């Protein structure tokens, strides 16, 4: 299991990265590491992603009603999580951002602070988990 140190999380997920937009919570993630090769990710990668808010799962492959409403926005184009095709997305170079949009099923409001956690398998053959955990105020 790999977690990011706090100083890196601050760069990955800036203080103003969590926004309430309509009926979605949108989390902007800035790629501060290396090129993300969506086009080379294994098919089951997206199925490994689990999004939690305040320690409650709000999006995962085990919740098809929510995962089908969760989107990844890359280079201005939105992709439903349950239908992502990495080849179509291509790559995300360092310095560029992507947005994860989850349905606001809990009715969170602007000004509230919540704990978020995103877990994914980044090396499925080794069953390595990558965890990004942060607390942010919704703007």
C-alpha atoms as a PDB file:
ATOM      1  CA  UNK A   1       0.000   0.000   0.000  1.00  0.00           C
ATOM      2  CA  UNK A   2       1.288   3.452  -0.922  1.00  0.00           C
ATOM      3  CA  UNK A   3       0.071   6.745   0.469  1.00  0.00           C
ATOM      4  CA  UNK A   4       1.157  10.230  -0.516  1.00  0.00           C
ATOM      5  CA  UNK A   5       2.849  12.518   2.007  1.00  0.00           C
ATOM      6  CA  UNK A   6       0.872  15.617   3.051  1.00  0.00           C
ATOM      7  CA  UNK A   7       3.029  18.077   1.126  1.00  0.00           C
ATOM      8  CA  UNK A   8       2.365  16.170  -2.091  1.00  0.00           C
ATOM      9  CA  UNK A   9      -1.370  15.850  -1.423  1.00  0.00           C
ATOM     10  CA  UNK A  10      -1.526  19.655  -1.098  1.00  0.00           C
ATOM     11  CA  UNK A  11      -0.162  19.903  -4.640  1.00  0.00           C
ATOM     12  CA  UNK A  12      -2.277  17.032  -6.007  1.00  0.00           C
ATOM     13  CA  UNK A  13      -5.504  18.337  -4.492  1.00  0.00           C
ATOM     14  CA  UNK A  14      -5.288  22.118  -3.924  1.00  0.00           C
ATOM     15  CA  UNK A  15      -7.278  23.719  -1.094  1.00  0.00           C
ATOM     16  CA  UNK A  16      -9.983  24.920  -3.525  1.00  0.00           C
ATOM     17  CA  UNK A  17     -10.166  21.617  -5.448  1.00  0.00           C
ATOM     18  CA  UNK A  18     -13.519  20.388  -4.083  1.00  0.00           C
ATOM     19  CA  UNK A  19     -16.533  22.154  -5.553  1.00  0.00           C
ATOM     20  CA  UNK A  20     -20.280  21.697  -5.449  1.00  0.00           C
ATOM     21  CA  UNK A  21     -21.478  22.026  -9.041  1.00  0.00           C
ATOM     22  CA  UNK A  22     -25.179  21.309  -9.513  1.00  0.00           C
ATOM     23  CA  UNK A  23     -25.816  17.861  -8.043  1.00  0.00           C
ATOM     24  CA  UNK A  24     -22.161  16.790  -8.183  1.00  0.00           C
ATOM     25  CA  UNK A  25     -19.115  17.080  -5.978  1.00  0.00           C
ATOM     26  CA  UNK A  26     -16.203  17.799  -8.315  1.00  0.00           C
ATOM     27  CA  UNK A  27     -12.661  17.106  -7.139  1.00  0.00           C
ATOM     28  CA  UNK A  28      -9.838  18.548  -9.224  1.00  0.00           C
ATOM     29  CA  UNK A  29      -6.627  16.520  -9.136  1.00  0.00           C
ATOM     30  CA  UNK A  30      -3.448  18.058 -10.567  1.00  0.00           C
ATOM     31  CA  UNK A  31      -0.940  15.624 -12.013  1.00  0.00           C
ATOM     32  CA  UNK A  32       2.262  16.568 -10.185  1.00  0.00           C
ATOM     33  CA  UNK A  33       4.103  13.312 -10.756  1.00  0.00           C
ATOM     34  CA  UNK A  34       4.683  11.849 -14.210  1.00  0.00           C
ATOM     35  CA  UNK A  35       2.618  11.302 -17.320  1.00  0.00           C
ATOM     36  CA  UNK A  36      -0.449   9.198 -16.511  1.00  0.00           C
ATOM     37  CA  UNK A  37      -0.800   6.658 -19.330  1.00  0.00           C
ATOM     38  CA  UNK A  38      -4.550   6.022 -19.347  1.00  0.00           C
ATOM     39  CA  UNK A  39      -4.062   4.302 -22.673  1.00  0.00           C
ATOM     40  CA  UNK A  40      -1.872   1.617 -21.045  1.00  0.00           C
ATOM     41  CA  UNK A  41      -3.884   0.952 -17.902  1.00  0.00           C
ATOM     42  CA  UNK A  42      -5.303  -2.531 -17.450  1.00  0.00           C
ATOM     43  CA  UNK A  43      -8.997  -3.010 -18.139  1.00  0.00           C
ATOM     44  CA  UNK A  44      -9.817  -3.700 -14.504  1.00  0.00           C
ATOM     45  CA  UNK A  45      -8.075  -0.537 -13.253  1.00  0.00           C
ATOM     46  CA  UNK A  46     -11.263   1.529 -13.079  1.00  0.00           C
ATOM     47  CA  UNK A  47     -13.013  -1.330 -11.301  1.00  0.00           C
ATOM     48  CA  UNK A  48     -10.381  -1.072  -8.560  1.00  0.00           C
ATOM     49  CA  UNK A  49     -11.198   2.570  -7.712  1.00  0.00           C
ATOM     50  CA  UNK A  50     -13.061   3.245  -4.478  1.00  0.00           C
ATOM     51  CA  UNK A  51     -14.068   6.786  -3.464  1.00  0.00           C
ATOM     52  CA  UNK A  52     -14.986   7.466   0.160  1.00  0.00           C
ATOM     53  CA  UNK A  53     -16.321  10.592   1.824  1.00  0.00           C
ATOM     54  CA  UNK A  54     -16.226  10.689   5.615  1.00  0.00           C
ATOM     55  CA  UNK A  55     -15.253   7.001   5.562  1.00  0.00           C
ATOM     56  CA  UNK A  56     -18.374   5.985   3.606  1.00  0.00           C
ATOM     57  CA  UNK A  57     -18.055   4.508   0.120  1.00  0.00           C
ATOM     58  CA  UNK A  58     -19.747   6.810  -2.400  1.00  0.00           C
ATOM     59  CA  UNK A  59     -18.396   5.288  -5.609  1.00  0.00           C
ATOM     60  CA  UNK A  60     -17.039   1.830  -6.407  1.00  0.00           C
ATOM     61  CA  UNK A  61     -17.661  -1.069  -8.750  1.00  0.00           C
ATOM     62  CA  UNK A  62     -19.734  -2.594  -5.913  1.00  0.00           C
ATOM     63  CA  UNK A  63     -22.174   0.330  -6.168  1.00  0.00           C
ATOM     64  CA  UNK A  64     -23.185   0.257  -9.843  1.00  0.00           C
ATOM     65  CA  UNK A  65     -25.925   2.852  -9.367  1.00  0.00           C
ATOM     66  CA  UNK A  66     -23.346   5.382  -8.163  1.00  0.00           C
ATOM     67  CA  UNK A  67     -20.340   4.399 -10.274  1.00  0.00           C
ATOM     68  CA  UNK A  68     -22.414   4.841 -13.434  1.00  0.00           C
ATOM     69  CA  UNK A  69     -23.046   8.454 -12.364  1.00  0.00           C
ATOM     70  CA  UNK A  70     -19.391   9.106 -11.449  1.00  0.00           C
ATOM     71  CA  UNK A  71     -17.308  10.784 -14.137  1.00  0.00           C
ATOM     72  CA  UNK A  72     -13.683  11.419 -14.927  1.00  0.00           C
ATOM     73  CA  UNK A  73     -13.118  14.653 -16.848  1.00  0.00           C
ATOM     74  CA  UNK A  74      -9.841  14.808 -18.767  1.00  0.00           C
ATOM     75  CA  UNK A  75      -8.947  17.583 -21.218  1.00  0.00           C
ATOM     76  CA  UNK A  76     -12.527  18.869 -21.083  1.00  0.00           C
ATOM     77  CA  UNK A  77     -14.165  15.556 -21.982  1.00  0.00           C
ATOM     78  CA  UNK A  78     -16.245  13.581 -19.467  1.00  0.00           C
ATOM     79  CA  UNK A  79     -16.080   9.774 -19.241  1.00  0.00           C
ATOM     80  CA  UNK A  80     -18.449   7.662 -17.135  1.00  0.00           C
ATOM     81  CA  UNK A  81     -16.388   5.578 -14.710  1.00  0.00           C
ATOM     82  CA  UNK A  82     -18.131   2.348 -15.594  1.00  0.00           C
ATOM     83  CA  UNK A  83     -17.436   2.854 -19.309  1.00  0.00           C
ATOM     84  CA  UNK A  84     -13.931   4.325 -19.335  1.00  0.00           C
ATOM     85  CA  UNK A  85     -11.734   3.334 -22.230  1.00  0.00           C
ATOM     86  CA  UNK A  86      -8.161   4.368 -21.415  1.00  0.00           C
ATOM     87  CA  UNK A  87      -7.088   4.308 -25.043  1.00  0.00           C
ATOM     88  CA  UNK A  88      -9.702   6.952 -25.830  1.00  0.00           C
ATOM     89  CA  UNK A  89      -8.422   9.204 -23.024  1.00  0.00           C
ATOM     90  CA  UNK A  90      -4.741   8.905 -23.957  1.00  0.00           C
ATOM     91  CA  UNK A  91      -2.248  10.429 -21.535  1.00  0.00           C
ATOM     92  CA  UNK A  92      -2.297  13.185 -18.918  1.00  0.00           C
ATOM     93  CA  UNK A  93       1.042  14.995 -18.753  1.00  0.00           C
ATOM     94  CA  UNK A  94       2.449  16.556 -15.568  1.00  0.00           C
ATOM     95  CA  UNK A  95       0.947  19.934 -14.747  1.00  0.00           C
ATOM     96  CA  UNK A  96      -2.450  19.119 -16.247  1.00  0.00           C
ATOM     97  CA  UNK A  97      -5.524  18.438 -14.136  1.00  0.00           C
ATOM     98  CA  UNK A  98      -8.368  15.968 -14.216  1.00  0.00           C
ATOM     99  CA  UNK A  99     -11.686  16.141 -12.387  1.00  0.00           C
ATOM    100  CA  UNK A 100     -13.505  13.327 -10.602  1.00  0.00           C
ATOM    101  CA  UNK A 101     -17.214  14.177 -10.397  1.00  0.00           C
ATOM    102  CA  UNK A 102     -19.275  12.120  -7.934  1.00  0.00           C
ATOM    103  CA  UNK A 103     -23.014  12.383  -7.351  1.00  0.00           C
ATOM    104  CA  UNK A 104     -23.882  14.402  -4.253  1.00  0.00           C
ATOM    105  CA  UNK A 105     -26.103  11.681  -2.828  1.00  0.00           C
ATOM    106  CA  UNK A 106     -25.456  12.795   0.759  1.00  0.00           C
ATOM    107  CA  UNK A 107     -26.565  16.382   0.160  1.00  0.00           C
ATOM    108  CA  UNK A 108     -23.261  18.015   1.077  1.00  0.00           C
ATOM    109  CA  UNK A 109     -23.304  21.805   1.094  1.00  0.00           C
ATOM    110  CA  UNK A 110     -20.823  24.557   0.290  1.00  0.00           C
ATOM    111  CA  UNK A 111     -18.729  25.519   3.293  1.00  0.00           C
ATOM    112  CA  UNK A 112     -18.740  22.018   4.809  1.00  0.00           C
ATOM    113  CA  UNK A 113     -15.438  20.236   5.378  1.00  0.00           C
ATOM    114  CA  UNK A 114     -15.202  16.520   4.635  1.00  0.00           C
ATOM    115  CA  UNK A 115     -12.571  13.774   4.572  1.00  0.00           C
ATOM    116  CA  UNK A 116     -12.060  12.233   1.129  1.00  0.00           C
ATOM    117  CA  UNK A 117     -10.182   9.070   0.214  1.00  0.00           C
ATOM    118  CA  UNK A 118      -9.518   7.576  -3.206  1.00  0.00           C
ATOM    119  CA  UNK A 119      -8.047   4.077  -3.377  1.00  0.00           C
ATOM    120  CA  UNK A 120      -6.948   2.319  -6.551  1.00  0.00           C
ATOM    121  CA  UNK A 121      -4.739  -0.532  -7.697  1.00  0.00           C
ATOM    122  CA  UNK A 122      -1.897   0.994  -9.641  1.00  0.00           C
ATOM    123  CA  UNK A 123       0.023  -2.239 -10.171  1.00  0.00           C
ATOM    124  CA  UNK A 124      -2.699  -4.897 -10.377  1.00  0.00           C
ATOM    125  CA  UNK A 125      -0.288  -7.780 -10.931  1.00  0.00           C
ATOM    126  CA  UNK A 126       1.326  -6.996  -7.585  1.00  0.00           C
ATOM    127  CA  UNK A 127      -1.985  -6.025  -5.945  1.00  0.00           C
ATOM    128  CA  UNK A 128      -0.460  -2.691  -4.871  1.00  0.00           C
ATOM    129  CA  UNK A 129      -2.925  -0.096  -3.614  1.00  0.00           C
ATOM    130  CA  UNK A 130      -2.452   3.635  -3.961  1.00  0.00           C
ATOM    131  CA  UNK A 131      -4.340   5.806  -1.475  1.00  0.00           C
ATOM    132  CA  UNK A 132      -4.898   9.549  -1.716  1.00  0.00           C
ATOM    133  CA  UNK A 133      -6.548  10.887   1.444  1.00  0.00           C
ATOM    134  CA  UNK A 134      -7.336  14.523   2.170  1.00  0.00           C
ATOM    135  CA  UNK A 135      -9.717  16.835   3.995  1.00  0.00           C
ATOM    136  CA  UNK A 136     -11.136  19.796   2.112  1.00  0.00           C
ATOM    137  CA  UNK A 137     -13.852  22.416   2.401  1.00  0.00           C
ATOM    138  CA  UNK A 138     -16.462  22.324  -0.353  1.00  0.00           C
ATOM    139  CA  UNK A 139     -16.542  25.587  -2.274  1.00  0.00           C
END
